[in-house]
Every structure is written in structure tokens, then in C-alpha cells.
Amino acid sequence: MATVWIVMRQTLLMFVYMGAGVVLFKKGLITKEGSRSLANLLLYLVLPCVLIKSFCVERTRENITALLISLGAAAVILLLAIVVSRLMFHASPIDNFSTSFSNAGFMGFPLVTAVLGSDAVFYAAGFVALLNALQWTYGQVLLSGDRRHASPAGVIKNPLVVSLIAGLVLFFTGLPLPGLAQSALQAVAGLNSPLAMIILGVYLAQTKFSELFTQPRLYGVSAVRLVLIPVLTALLLRLLPDSYDTLRTTLLIVASAPVGSNVAVYAQKLGKDYAYAVRLVCLSTILSILTMPVLVAVFCGG
């Protein structure tokens, strides 16, 4: 049960951060424009630092094997989520996007660190980079109907893809980072959880609670994102040998995270129903405090 309590404690801590975001917005200390700037800070600096830091590990045969397996498993898990989402919500692009992509970087990374230690983020790095590349391309095509978003140039410009490549170079070459660079990476990466949840709190503060809890459609989409896809993912991960238990738990955690906040970012950018996307992010995040510990207990032995 120790793992379950760690997940629950970390999820509750994230809601504390989210509450801070609500208060700061209500007091006028963070504006809508300010939240966009914070989101850019998170996407273009903090998350890349988290990814690069996760590859600063010793290059051993075991780590190389684990990395290749985690990348392959991540690709299959994301494909599974996309297929299930398309079957369930093919007529609703925002719902389709929301269930396809979890909040793996903002919420999954901190939970993995709390449950399994910072070294386990290594197993989730490829998942998060692939997820963000797919959001940047397939996700924007899905929301806009414009296939130009799927161009190779667009993928290469994704900061998380760039940081994944940088991390892989560091890992496979064994190039050591200077102590100052390591300290800077550690410090900036530590901003990930509080900053991400404060931004979500700002989103939540712009949502009417009556609309958040009284729309059955929101619960249906959340159920697919928080229960159906994670359960199918857990069954798929059972195919991995028991020796990869840490890798399985890591991938299950990031795949079980709630609706990714990027759906609200992209919906706003592309002129779609931004308010509805925000409600999906917020409700699924609230419900995840119940679903994620249960999934970990059932499929990872708690």
C-alpha cells in the first residue's frame, strides 16, 4: 500500500499547488496573458530540462535495453490511446484529443519521481517526447482539420523533441555535464510540478463550478481517459517480463494521468471551444485523485 499512499499524497500536493493558482488569479496577481507566459516557460524551458536531466545516467547495457523497450512500449501505448479515442469520439475533435493524450509531463513526471525516484523518469522521457510530438502534429490536425500541422519541420521545432534528441546524444556519447549545468538542470526541473499545477489552477479559476460538475459528457470523456485507456494499457504492459517492473509502473503512471492541459492551449490557439477544453482538464484532474491510486494498487501491487 506504500505506493498507493505516495501517489495519493503527491496528487493531493498537486491540488494544493492548483489552489494557489486559483487564489493568485482571483486576486489579480496572475492574468490570462500571464498564464500563457507561464505555460511557455513550462513548455520551452522547464520540461526540456526535465527530459535532458532524465538522460544524465550511466550508459550501461541494461539502461540501453530499458530505453529501447520504453520507447517501443510508449509508441504502442500512444497508438492504442489514439485508436480507442478515435473509435469513441471520432465526431468530437476536442474529446478525441483529450482522451488520446494524458498530462504525462506536467502530472506524470512528478508522480513517477515521488513513487519510484528521479531515476525512473528516464523510462518516461521517450513517452512524453513522443506524446508532445503527436500533439504538435496529429493533435493540431485533429482540432483544425489542416494537415499542414503534420509537416516534419513542425515536429523538429517541438522543444521536447529537441530536448529528447539532446538527451539521447548525452546518454549515448557519455558526455559529462559541468557541475554548474547539472545544478541548473536540477533547479529548473524542480519547477515542473508546482508551476504546471499553478497554471491549471488559473484555468480552473476561469471555470464555473456549476458547469464543471453538472455536464454528463465531461464524466464520459474523463472515464475513457482515466479508466478505459489505463486499464487497456496495464493489460498491454503485462506482456513485459517481471524484471521490467519499474518500467511498467512508470509507463502506467504517465499513461493514466488526466487530460493533458495542452488541449486547452491548442484549442485556444486554433479558435476552438477553449472553455470546454478547460473544464475537461480540470474535472479529469480532480477525478484522478481517486483513479490513479486505485490503478497503481490493482496493477502494480500497491
C-alpha atoms as a PDB file:
ATOM      1  CA  MET A   1       0.000   0.000   0.000  1.00  0.00           C
ATOM      2  CA  ALA A   2       3.007   2.319   0.331  1.00  0.00           C
ATOM      3  CA  THR A   3       2.993   3.153  -3.376  1.00  0.00           C
ATOM      4  CA  VAL A   4      -0.721   3.950  -3.295  1.00  0.00           C
ATOM      5  CA  TRP A   5      -0.293   6.384  -0.414  1.00  0.00           C
ATOM      6  CA  ILE A   6       2.632   8.070  -2.165  1.00  0.00           C
ATOM      7  CA  VAL A   7       0.516   8.540  -5.305  1.00  0.00           C
ATOM      8  CA  MET A   8      -2.389   9.875  -3.249  1.00  0.00           C
ATOM      9  CA  ARG A   9      -0.156  12.211  -1.250  1.00  0.00           C
ATOM     10  CA  GLN A  10       1.521  13.555  -4.386  1.00  0.00           C
ATOM     11  CA  THR A  11      -1.840  14.068  -6.091  1.00  0.00           C
ATOM     12  CA  LEU A  12      -3.151  15.968  -3.063  1.00  0.00           C
ATOM     13  CA  LEU A  13       0.005  18.085  -3.047  1.00  0.00           C
ATOM     14  CA  MET A  14      -0.675  18.975  -6.669  1.00  0.00           C
ATOM     15  CA  PHE A  15      -4.137  20.166  -5.709  1.00  0.00           C
ATOM     16  CA  VAL A  16      -2.511  22.451  -3.140  1.00  0.00           C
ATOM     17  CA  TYR A  17      -0.470  23.983  -5.952  1.00  0.00           C
ATOM     18  CA  MET A  18      -3.602  24.223  -8.079  1.00  0.00           C
ATOM     19  CA  GLY A  19      -5.390  26.015  -5.239  1.00  0.00           C
ATOM     20  CA  ALA A  20      -2.558  28.543  -5.176  1.00  0.00           C
ATOM     21  CA  GLY A  21      -3.161  29.197  -8.876  1.00  0.00           C
ATOM     22  CA  VAL A  22      -6.874  29.757  -8.245  1.00  0.00           C
ATOM     23  CA  VAL A  23      -6.167  32.267  -5.472  1.00  0.00           C
ATOM     24  CA  LEU A  24      -3.494  34.112  -7.469  1.00  0.00           C
ATOM     25  CA  PHE A  25      -5.854  34.511 -10.432  1.00  0.00           C
ATOM     26  CA  LYS A  26      -8.816  35.573  -8.279  1.00  0.00           C
ATOM     27  CA  LYS A  27      -6.610  38.199  -6.610  1.00  0.00           C
ATOM     28  CA  GLY A  28      -5.481  39.523  -9.977  1.00  0.00           C
ATOM     29  CA  LEU A  29      -1.855  38.544  -9.369  1.00  0.00           C
ATOM     30  CA  ILE A  30      -1.820  36.281 -12.446  1.00  0.00           C
ATOM     31  CA  THR A  31      -3.744  37.245 -15.584  1.00  0.00           C
ATOM     32  CA  LYS A  32      -4.802  35.164 -18.580  1.00  0.00           C
ATOM     33  CA  GLU A  33      -1.866  36.583 -20.511  1.00  0.00           C
ATOM     34  CA  GLY A  34       0.392  35.818 -17.556  1.00  0.00           C
ATOM     35  CA  SER A  35      -0.744  32.188 -17.543  1.00  0.00           C
ATOM     36  CA  ARG A  36       0.159  31.905 -21.250  1.00  0.00           C
ATOM     37  CA  SER A  37       3.637  33.198 -20.449  1.00  0.00           C
ATOM     38  CA  LEU A  38       3.973  30.667 -17.623  1.00  0.00           C
ATOM     39  CA  ALA A  39       2.814  27.899 -19.982  1.00  0.00           C
ATOM     40  CA  ASN A  40       5.508  28.943 -22.470  1.00  0.00           C
ATOM     41  CA  LEU A  41       8.085  28.901 -19.670  1.00  0.00           C
ATOM     42  CA  LEU A  42       6.974  25.379 -18.797  1.00  0.00           C
ATOM     43  CA  LEU A  43       6.985  24.116 -22.384  1.00  0.00           C
ATOM     44  CA  TYR A  44      10.151  25.774 -23.651  1.00  0.00           C
ATOM     45  CA  LEU A  45      12.386  25.610 -20.556  1.00  0.00           C
ATOM     46  CA  VAL A  46      11.177  23.530 -17.613  1.00  0.00           C
ATOM     47  CA  LEU A  47      10.010  20.353 -19.375  1.00  0.00           C
ATOM     48  CA  PRO A  48      13.060  20.267 -21.688  1.00  0.00           C
ATOM     49  CA  CYS A  49      15.268  20.475 -18.598  1.00  0.00           C
ATOM     50  CA  VAL A  50      13.337  17.590 -17.011  1.00  0.00           C
ATOM     51  CA  LEU A  51      13.827  15.499 -20.150  1.00  0.00           C
ATOM     52  CA  ILE A  52      17.528  16.251 -20.551  1.00  0.00           C
ATOM     53  CA  LYS A  53      18.158  15.620 -16.855  1.00  0.00           C
ATOM     54  CA  SER A  54      16.456  12.225 -17.092  1.00  0.00           C
ATOM     55  CA  PHE A  55      19.105  11.077 -19.605  1.00  0.00           C
ATOM     56  CA  CYS A  56      22.018  12.052 -17.378  1.00  0.00           C
ATOM     57  CA  VAL A  57      22.516   8.457 -16.267  1.00  0.00           C
ATOM     58  CA  GLU A  58      25.267   5.930 -16.781  1.00  0.00           C
ATOM     59  CA  ARG A  59      25.269   4.285 -20.199  1.00  0.00           C
ATOM     60  CA  THR A  60      25.090   0.593 -19.433  1.00  0.00           C
ATOM     61  CA  ARG A  61      23.786  -2.337 -21.444  1.00  0.00           C
ATOM     62  CA  GLU A  62      20.833  -2.601 -19.064  1.00  0.00           C
ATOM     63  CA  ASN A  63      19.970   1.094 -19.458  1.00  0.00           C
ATOM     64  CA  ILE A  64      20.259   0.942 -23.250  1.00  0.00           C
ATOM     65  CA  THR A  65      17.943  -2.073 -23.365  1.00  0.00           C
ATOM     66  CA  ALA A  66      15.473  -0.409 -20.997  1.00  0.00           C
ATOM     67  CA  LEU A  67      15.491   2.784 -23.070  1.00  0.00           C
ATOM     68  CA  LEU A  68      14.759   0.965 -26.325  1.00  0.00           C
ATOM     69  CA  ILE A  69      11.991  -1.076 -24.704  1.00  0.00           C
ATOM     70  CA  SER A  70      10.444   2.014 -23.102  1.00  0.00           C
ATOM     71  CA  LEU A  71      10.435   3.900 -26.425  1.00  0.00           C
ATOM     72  CA  GLY A  72       8.843   0.960 -28.223  1.00  0.00           C
ATOM     73  CA  ALA A  73       6.260   0.440 -25.473  1.00  0.00           C
ATOM     74  CA  ALA A  74       5.483   4.178 -25.392  1.00  0.00           C
ATOM     75  CA  ALA A  75       4.797   4.203 -29.136  1.00  0.00           C
ATOM     76  CA  VAL A  76       2.431   1.225 -28.825  1.00  0.00           C
ATOM     77  CA  ILE A  77       0.622   2.717 -25.786  1.00  0.00           C
ATOM     78  CA  LEU A  78       0.114   6.063 -27.511  1.00  0.00           C
ATOM     79  CA  LEU A  79      -1.145   4.331 -30.660  1.00  0.00           C
ATOM     80  CA  LEU A  80      -3.581   2.355 -28.514  1.00  0.00           C
ATOM     81  CA  ALA A  81      -4.879   5.558 -26.899  1.00  0.00           C
ATOM     82  CA  ILE A  82      -5.286   7.255 -30.279  1.00  0.00           C
ATOM     83  CA  VAL A  83      -7.203   4.300 -31.752  1.00  0.00           C
ATOM     84  CA  VAL A  84      -9.522   3.969 -28.741  1.00  0.00           C
ATOM     85  CA  SER A  85     -10.159   7.718 -28.686  1.00  0.00           C
ATOM     86  CA  ARG A  86     -10.933   7.814 -32.394  1.00  0.00           C
ATOM     87  CA  LEU A  87     -13.399   4.944 -32.037  1.00  0.00           C
ATOM     88  CA  MET A  88     -15.108   6.568 -29.041  1.00  0.00           C
ATOM     89  CA  PHE A  89     -15.094  10.241 -30.084  1.00  0.00           C
ATOM     90  CA  HIS A  90     -14.497  10.429 -33.831  1.00  0.00           C
ATOM     91  CA  ALA A  91     -17.173  13.122 -34.170  1.00  0.00           C
ATOM     92  CA  SER A  92     -15.755  15.360 -31.434  1.00  0.00           C
ATOM     93  CA  PRO A  93     -12.175  16.578 -32.048  1.00  0.00           C
ATOM     94  CA  ILE A  94     -11.682  18.063 -28.565  1.00  0.00           C
ATOM     95  CA  ASP A  95     -12.895  14.892 -26.826  1.00  0.00           C
ATOM     96  CA  ASN A  96     -10.769  12.810 -29.187  1.00  0.00           C
ATOM     97  CA  PHE A  97      -7.663  14.900 -28.437  1.00  0.00           C
ATOM     98  CA  SER A  98      -8.384  14.898 -24.686  1.00  0.00           C
ATOM     99  CA  THR A  99      -8.588  11.130 -24.331  1.00  0.00           C
ATOM    100  CA  SER A 100      -5.667  10.451 -26.685  1.00  0.00           C
ATOM    101  CA  PHE A 101      -3.118  12.424 -24.665  1.00  0.00           C
ATOM    102  CA  SER A 102      -2.556  12.323 -20.912  1.00  0.00           C
ATOM    103  CA  ASN A 103      -0.958  15.010 -18.765  1.00  0.00           C
ATOM    104  CA  ALA A 104       2.188  12.880 -18.727  1.00  0.00           C
ATOM    105  CA  GLY A 105       4.770  15.646 -18.459  1.00  0.00           C
ATOM    106  CA  PHE A 106       3.033  18.024 -16.063  1.00  0.00           C
ATOM    107  CA  MET A 107       1.478  15.438 -13.740  1.00  0.00           C
ATOM    108  CA  GLY A 108       3.066  12.118 -14.691  1.00  0.00           C
ATOM    109  CA  PHE A 109       6.711  13.132 -14.223  1.00  0.00           C
ATOM    110  CA  PRO A 110       6.273  14.417 -10.642  1.00  0.00           C
ATOM    111  CA  LEU A 111       4.273  11.308  -9.683  1.00  0.00           C
ATOM    112  CA  VAL A 112       6.904   8.988 -11.159  1.00  0.00           C
ATOM    113  CA  THR A 113       9.596  10.856  -9.226  1.00  0.00           C
ATOM    114  CA  ALA A 114       7.636  10.646  -5.968  1.00  0.00           C
ATOM    115  CA  VAL A 115       6.729   6.958  -6.337  1.00  0.00           C
ATOM    116  CA  LEU A 116       9.820   5.467  -7.955  1.00  0.00           C
ATOM    117  CA  GLY A 117      12.573   8.074  -7.610  1.00  0.00           C
ATOM    118  CA  SER A 118      14.099  10.524 -10.063  1.00  0.00           C
ATOM    119  CA  ASP A 119      15.983   7.802 -11.972  1.00  0.00           C
ATOM    120  CA  ALA A 120      12.678   6.293 -13.148  1.00  0.00           C
ATOM    121  CA  VAL A 121      11.891   9.453 -15.151  1.00  0.00           C
ATOM    122  CA  PHE A 122      14.409   8.011 -17.633  1.00  0.00           C
ATOM    123  CA  TYR A 123      11.778   5.417 -18.595  1.00  0.00           C
ATOM    124  CA  ALA A 124       9.087   8.068 -19.160  1.00  0.00           C
ATOM    125  CA  ALA A 125      11.153  10.574 -21.159  1.00  0.00           C
ATOM    126  CA  GLY A 126      10.505   8.955 -24.526  1.00  0.00           C
ATOM    127  CA  PHE A 127       6.782   8.670 -23.798  1.00  0.00           C
ATOM    128  CA  VAL A 128       6.484  12.385 -23.016  1.00  0.00           C
ATOM    129  CA  ALA A 129       8.521  13.444 -26.041  1.00  0.00           C
ATOM    130  CA  LEU A 130       6.502  11.221 -28.400  1.00  0.00           C
ATOM    131  CA  LEU A 131       3.243  12.430 -26.837  1.00  0.00           C
ATOM    132  CA  ASN A 132       4.161  16.073 -27.345  1.00  0.00           C
ATOM    133  CA  ALA A 133       5.317  15.460 -30.917  1.00  0.00           C
ATOM    134  CA  LEU A 134       1.955  13.806 -31.653  1.00  0.00           C
ATOM    135  CA  GLN A 135       0.050  16.674 -30.016  1.00  0.00           C
ATOM    136  CA  TRP A 136       2.047  19.177 -32.060  1.00  0.00           C
ATOM    137  CA  THR A 137       1.237  17.324 -35.319  1.00  0.00           C
ATOM    138  CA  TYR A 138      -1.659  14.840 -35.190  1.00  0.00           C
ATOM    139  CA  GLY A 139      -3.384  16.777 -32.394  1.00  0.00           C
ATOM    140  CA  GLN A 140      -3.398  20.078 -34.267  1.00  0.00           C
ATOM    141  CA  VAL A 141      -4.547  18.357 -37.469  1.00  0.00           C
ATOM    142  CA  LEU A 142      -7.352  16.753 -35.460  1.00  0.00           C
ATOM    143  CA  LEU A 143      -8.533  20.060 -33.980  1.00  0.00           C
ATOM    144  CA  SER A 144      -8.077  22.244 -37.068  1.00  0.00           C
ATOM    145  CA  GLY A 145      -8.516  19.849 -39.977  1.00  0.00           C
ATOM    146  CA  ASP A 146      -5.379  21.398 -41.502  1.00  0.00           C
ATOM    147  CA  ARG A 147      -2.759  18.782 -42.452  1.00  0.00           C
ATOM    148  CA  ARG A 148      -0.002  21.374 -42.694  1.00  0.00           C
ATOM    149  CA  HIS A 149       0.497  20.962 -38.946  1.00  0.00           C
ATOM    150  CA  ALA A 150       1.866  17.456 -39.566  1.00  0.00           C
ATOM    151  CA  SER A 151       4.925  18.662 -41.508  1.00  0.00           C
ATOM    152  CA  PRO A 152       8.360  17.282 -40.484  1.00  0.00           C
ATOM    153  CA  ALA A 153       9.555  20.848 -39.889  1.00  0.00           C
ATOM    154  CA  GLY A 154       6.835  21.274 -37.284  1.00  0.00           C
ATOM    155  CA  VAL A 155       7.995  18.154 -35.428  1.00  0.00           C
ATOM    156  CA  ILE A 156      11.631  19.264 -35.387  1.00  0.00           C
ATOM    157  CA  LYS A 157      10.636  22.644 -33.918  1.00  0.00           C
ATOM    158  CA  ASN A 158       8.941  20.964 -30.947  1.00  0.00           C
ATOM    159  CA  PRO A 159      11.091  21.861 -27.906  1.00  0.00           C
ATOM    160  CA  LEU A 160      10.507  18.483 -26.291  1.00  0.00           C
ATOM    161  CA  VAL A 161      11.622  16.617 -29.398  1.00  0.00           C
ATOM    162  CA  VAL A 162      14.743  18.784 -29.498  1.00  0.00           C
ATOM    163  CA  SER A 163      15.416  18.091 -25.817  1.00  0.00           C
ATOM    164  CA  LEU A 164      14.864  14.351 -26.378  1.00  0.00           C
ATOM    165  CA  ILE A 165      17.490  14.384 -29.129  1.00  0.00           C
ATOM    166  CA  ALA A 166      19.868  16.344 -26.886  1.00  0.00           C
ATOM    167  CA  GLY A 167      19.279  13.898 -24.048  1.00  0.00           C
ATOM    168  CA  LEU A 168      19.905  10.889 -26.292  1.00  0.00           C
ATOM    169  CA  VAL A 169      23.161  12.443 -27.508  1.00  0.00           C
ATOM    170  CA  LEU A 170      24.302  12.938 -23.899  1.00  0.00           C
ATOM    171  CA  PHE A 171      23.284   9.404 -22.971  1.00  0.00           C
ATOM    172  CA  PHE A 172      24.896   7.558 -25.894  1.00  0.00           C
ATOM    173  CA  THR A 173      28.094   9.650 -26.002  1.00  0.00           C
ATOM    174  CA  GLY A 174      28.553   9.702 -22.245  1.00  0.00           C
ATOM    175  CA  LEU A 175      29.496  13.384 -22.378  1.00  0.00           C
ATOM    176  CA  PRO A 176      29.629  14.699 -18.801  1.00  0.00           C
ATOM    177  CA  LEU A 177      27.837  17.929 -17.948  1.00  0.00           C
ATOM    178  CA  PRO A 178      29.741  20.503 -15.873  1.00  0.00           C
ATOM    179  CA  GLY A 179      28.644  20.710 -12.248  1.00  0.00           C
ATOM    180  CA  LEU A 180      27.107  24.137 -12.773  1.00  0.00           C
ATOM    181  CA  ALA A 181      24.995  22.853 -15.688  1.00  0.00           C
ATOM    182  CA  GLN A 182      23.836  19.875 -13.624  1.00  0.00           C
ATOM    183  CA  SER A 183      22.827  22.167 -10.757  1.00  0.00           C
ATOM    184  CA  ALA A 184      20.917  24.441 -13.142  1.00  0.00           C
ATOM    185  CA  LEU A 185      19.095  21.466 -14.720  1.00  0.00           C
ATOM    186  CA  GLN A 186      18.179  20.146 -11.279  1.00  0.00           C
ATOM    187  CA  ALA A 187      16.850  23.501 -10.092  1.00  0.00           C
ATOM    188  CA  VAL A 188      14.803  24.292 -13.206  1.00  0.00           C
ATOM    189  CA  ALA A 189      13.418  20.738 -13.444  1.00  0.00           C
ATOM    190  CA  GLY A 190      12.209  21.087  -9.849  1.00  0.00           C
ATOM    191  CA  LEU A 191       9.782  23.802 -11.013  1.00  0.00           C
ATOM    192  CA  ASN A 192       7.819  21.310 -13.125  1.00  0.00           C
ATOM    193  CA  SER A 193       5.152  20.140 -10.707  1.00  0.00           C
ATOM    194  CA  PRO A 194       4.304  23.392  -8.870  1.00  0.00           C
ATOM    195  CA  LEU A 195       4.403  25.553 -11.998  1.00  0.00           C
ATOM    196  CA  ALA A 196       2.263  23.153 -14.049  1.00  0.00           C
ATOM    197  CA  MET A 197      -0.387  22.853 -11.356  1.00  0.00           C
ATOM    198  CA  ILE A 198      -0.459  26.608 -10.677  1.00  0.00           C
ATOM    199  CA  ILE A 199      -1.216  27.079 -14.389  1.00  0.00           C
ATOM    200  CA  LEU A 200      -4.006  24.501 -14.131  1.00  0.00           C
ATOM    201  CA  GLY A 201      -5.301  26.399 -11.099  1.00  0.00           C
ATOM    202  CA  VAL A 202      -5.505  29.546 -13.215  1.00  0.00           C
ATOM    203  CA  TYR A 203      -7.516  27.570 -15.780  1.00  0.00           C
ATOM    204  CA  LEU A 204      -9.776  26.257 -13.019  1.00  0.00           C
ATOM    205  CA  ALA A 205     -10.373  29.772 -11.688  1.00  0.00           C
ATOM    206  CA  GLN A 206     -11.861  30.718 -15.073  1.00  0.00           C
ATOM    207  CA  THR A 207     -14.369  27.862 -14.945  1.00  0.00           C
ATOM    208  CA  LYS A 208     -17.853  27.970 -13.459  1.00  0.00           C
ATOM    209  CA  PHE A 209     -18.158  25.161 -10.907  1.00  0.00           C
ATOM    210  CA  SER A 210     -21.801  24.647 -11.881  1.00  0.00           C
ATOM    211  CA  GLU A 211     -20.651  23.821 -15.422  1.00  0.00           C
ATOM    212  CA  LEU A 212     -17.728  21.736 -14.214  1.00  0.00           C
ATOM    213  CA  PHE A 213     -19.706  19.148 -12.235  1.00  0.00           C
ATOM    214  CA  THR A 214     -23.105  19.079 -13.965  1.00  0.00           C
ATOM    215  CA  GLN A 215     -22.260  18.038 -17.539  1.00  0.00           C
ATOM    216  CA  PRO A 216     -22.516  14.241 -18.048  1.00  0.00           C
ATOM    217  CA  ARG A 217     -20.408  14.477 -21.202  1.00  0.00           C
ATOM    218  CA  LEU A 218     -17.402  15.583 -19.149  1.00  0.00           C
ATOM    219  CA  TYR A 219     -17.681  12.486 -16.966  1.00  0.00           C
ATOM    220  CA  GLY A 220     -17.891  10.209 -20.002  1.00  0.00           C
ATOM    221  CA  VAL A 221     -14.744  11.642 -21.558  1.00  0.00           C
ATOM    222  CA  SER A 222     -12.954  11.518 -18.187  1.00  0.00           C
ATOM    223  CA  ALA A 223     -13.911   7.851 -17.764  1.00  0.00           C
ATOM    224  CA  VAL A 224     -12.268   6.942 -21.057  1.00  0.00           C
ATOM    225  CA  ARG A 225      -9.140   8.947 -20.222  1.00  0.00           C
ATOM    226  CA  LEU A 226      -8.842   7.812 -16.582  1.00  0.00           C
ATOM    227  CA  VAL A 227     -10.186   4.247 -16.643  1.00  0.00           C
ATOM    228  CA  LEU A 228     -10.648   2.590 -20.042  1.00  0.00           C
ATOM    229  CA  ILE A 229      -7.345   3.563 -21.661  1.00  0.00           C
ATOM    230  CA  PRO A 230      -5.244   3.000 -18.482  1.00  0.00           C
ATOM    231  CA  VAL A 231      -6.779  -0.459 -17.942  1.00  0.00           C
ATOM    232  CA  LEU A 232      -6.044  -1.454 -21.550  1.00  0.00           C
ATOM    233  CA  THR A 233      -2.529  -0.029 -21.126  1.00  0.00           C
ATOM    234  CA  ALA A 234      -1.982  -2.021 -17.932  1.00  0.00           C
ATOM    235  CA  LEU A 235      -3.052  -5.247 -19.650  1.00  0.00           C
ATOM    236  CA  LEU A 236      -0.687  -4.480 -22.525  1.00  0.00           C
ATOM    237  CA  LEU A 237       2.203  -3.812 -20.122  1.00  0.00           C
ATOM    238  CA  ARG A 238       1.650  -7.230 -18.559  1.00  0.00           C
ATOM    239  CA  LEU A 239       3.378  -8.608 -21.666  1.00  0.00           C
ATOM    240  CA  LEU A 240       6.686  -7.218 -20.394  1.00  0.00           C
ATOM    241  CA  PRO A 241       8.789  -9.519 -18.185  1.00  0.00           C
ATOM    242  CA  ASP A 242       8.620  -9.052 -14.399  1.00  0.00           C
ATOM    243  CA  SER A 243      12.230  -7.848 -14.465  1.00  0.00           C
ATOM    244  CA  TYR A 244      10.911  -4.622 -16.017  1.00  0.00           C
ATOM    245  CA  ASP A 245       8.504  -3.927 -13.176  1.00  0.00           C
ATOM    246  CA  THR A 246       9.774  -0.358 -12.622  1.00  0.00           C
ATOM    247  CA  LEU A 247       9.421   0.413 -16.328  1.00  0.00           C
ATOM    248  CA  ARG A 248       5.870  -0.994 -16.333  1.00  0.00           C
ATOM    249  CA  THR A 249       4.851   1.068 -13.313  1.00  0.00           C
ATOM    250  CA  THR A 250       6.408   4.217 -14.802  1.00  0.00           C
ATOM    251  CA  LEU A 251       4.587   3.863 -18.110  1.00  0.00           C
ATOM    252  CA  LEU A 252       1.309   3.032 -16.383  1.00  0.00           C
ATOM    253  CA  ILE A 253       1.533   6.190 -14.263  1.00  0.00           C
ATOM    254  CA  VAL A 254       2.192   8.527 -17.196  1.00  0.00           C
ATOM    255  CA  ALA A 255      -0.453   6.804 -19.337  1.00  0.00           C
ATOM    256  CA  SER A 256      -3.033   7.042 -16.512  1.00  0.00           C
ATOM    257  CA  ALA A 257      -2.645  10.770 -15.939  1.00  0.00           C
ATOM    258  CA  PRO A 258      -5.687  13.003 -16.574  1.00  0.00           C
ATOM    259  CA  VAL A 259      -6.450  15.023 -19.701  1.00  0.00           C
ATOM    260  CA  GLY A 260      -3.380  16.973 -20.747  1.00  0.00           C
ATOM    261  CA  SER A 261      -3.598  20.713 -20.284  1.00  0.00           C
ATOM    262  CA  ASN A 262      -2.269  21.219 -23.819  1.00  0.00           C
ATOM    263  CA  VAL A 263      -5.751  20.535 -25.182  1.00  0.00           C
ATOM    264  CA  ALA A 264      -6.782  23.874 -23.707  1.00  0.00           C
ATOM    265  CA  VAL A 265      -3.662  25.556 -25.088  1.00  0.00           C
ATOM    266  CA  TYR A 266      -4.208  24.227 -28.614  1.00  0.00           C
ATOM    267  CA  ALA A 267      -7.980  24.826 -28.504  1.00  0.00           C
ATOM    268  CA  GLN A 268      -7.331  28.460 -27.627  1.00  0.00           C
ATOM    269  CA  LYS A 269      -4.632  28.770 -30.290  1.00  0.00           C
ATOM    270  CA  LEU A 270      -6.844  27.280 -33.025  1.00  0.00           C
ATOM    271  CA  GLY A 271     -10.035  29.142 -32.089  1.00  0.00           C
ATOM    272  CA  LYS A 272     -11.943  26.118 -30.756  1.00  0.00           C
ATOM    273  CA  ASP A 273     -14.074  25.729 -27.619  1.00  0.00           C
ATOM    274  CA  TYR A 274     -11.353  26.690 -25.130  1.00  0.00           C
ATOM    275  CA  ALA A 275     -13.734  26.889 -22.152  1.00  0.00           C
ATOM    276  CA  TYR A 276     -14.971  23.319 -22.706  1.00  0.00           C
ATOM    277  CA  ALA A 277     -11.383  22.057 -23.008  1.00  0.00           C
ATOM    278  CA  VAL A 278     -10.515  23.745 -19.701  1.00  0.00           C
ATOM    279  CA  ARG A 279     -13.453  22.026 -17.983  1.00  0.00           C
ATOM    280  CA  LEU A 280     -12.243  18.658 -19.274  1.00  0.00           C
ATOM    281  CA  VAL A 281      -8.733  19.271 -17.957  1.00  0.00           C
ATOM    282  CA  CYS A 282      -9.981  20.399 -14.550  1.00  0.00           C
ATOM    283  CA  LEU A 283     -12.612  17.704 -13.947  1.00  0.00           C
ATOM    284  CA  SER A 284     -10.378  14.840 -15.061  1.00  0.00           C
ATOM    285  CA  THR A 285      -7.579  16.181 -12.839  1.00  0.00           C
ATOM    286  CA  ILE A 286      -9.937  16.275  -9.848  1.00  0.00           C
ATOM    287  CA  LEU A 287     -11.201  12.742 -10.549  1.00  0.00           C
ATOM    288  CA  SER A 288      -7.663  11.409 -10.999  1.00  0.00           C
ATOM    289  CA  ILE A 289      -7.080  11.702  -7.263  1.00  0.00           C
ATOM    290  CA  LEU A 290      -9.323   8.618  -6.996  1.00  0.00           C
ATOM    291  CA  THR A 291      -8.475   6.711 -10.161  1.00  0.00           C
ATOM    292  CA  MET A 292      -4.658   6.841 -10.215  1.00  0.00           C
ATOM    293  CA  PRO A 293      -4.062   5.319  -6.738  1.00  0.00           C
ATOM    294  CA  VAL A 294      -6.588   2.558  -7.485  1.00  0.00           C
ATOM    295  CA  LEU A 295      -4.916   1.693 -10.798  1.00  0.00           C
ATOM    296  CA  VAL A 296      -1.489   1.568  -9.181  1.00  0.00           C
ATOM    297  CA  ALA A 297      -2.822  -0.639  -6.376  1.00  0.00           C
ATOM    298  CA  VAL A 298      -4.584  -3.065  -8.736  1.00  0.00           C
ATOM    299  CA  PHE A 299      -1.959  -3.409 -11.456  1.00  0.00           C
ATOM    300  CA  CYS A 300       1.324  -2.635  -9.659  1.00  0.00           C
ATOM    301  CA  GLY A 301       0.750  -4.317  -6.335  1.00  0.00           C
ATOM    302  CA  GLY A 302       0.487  -1.077  -4.328  1.00  0.00           C
END
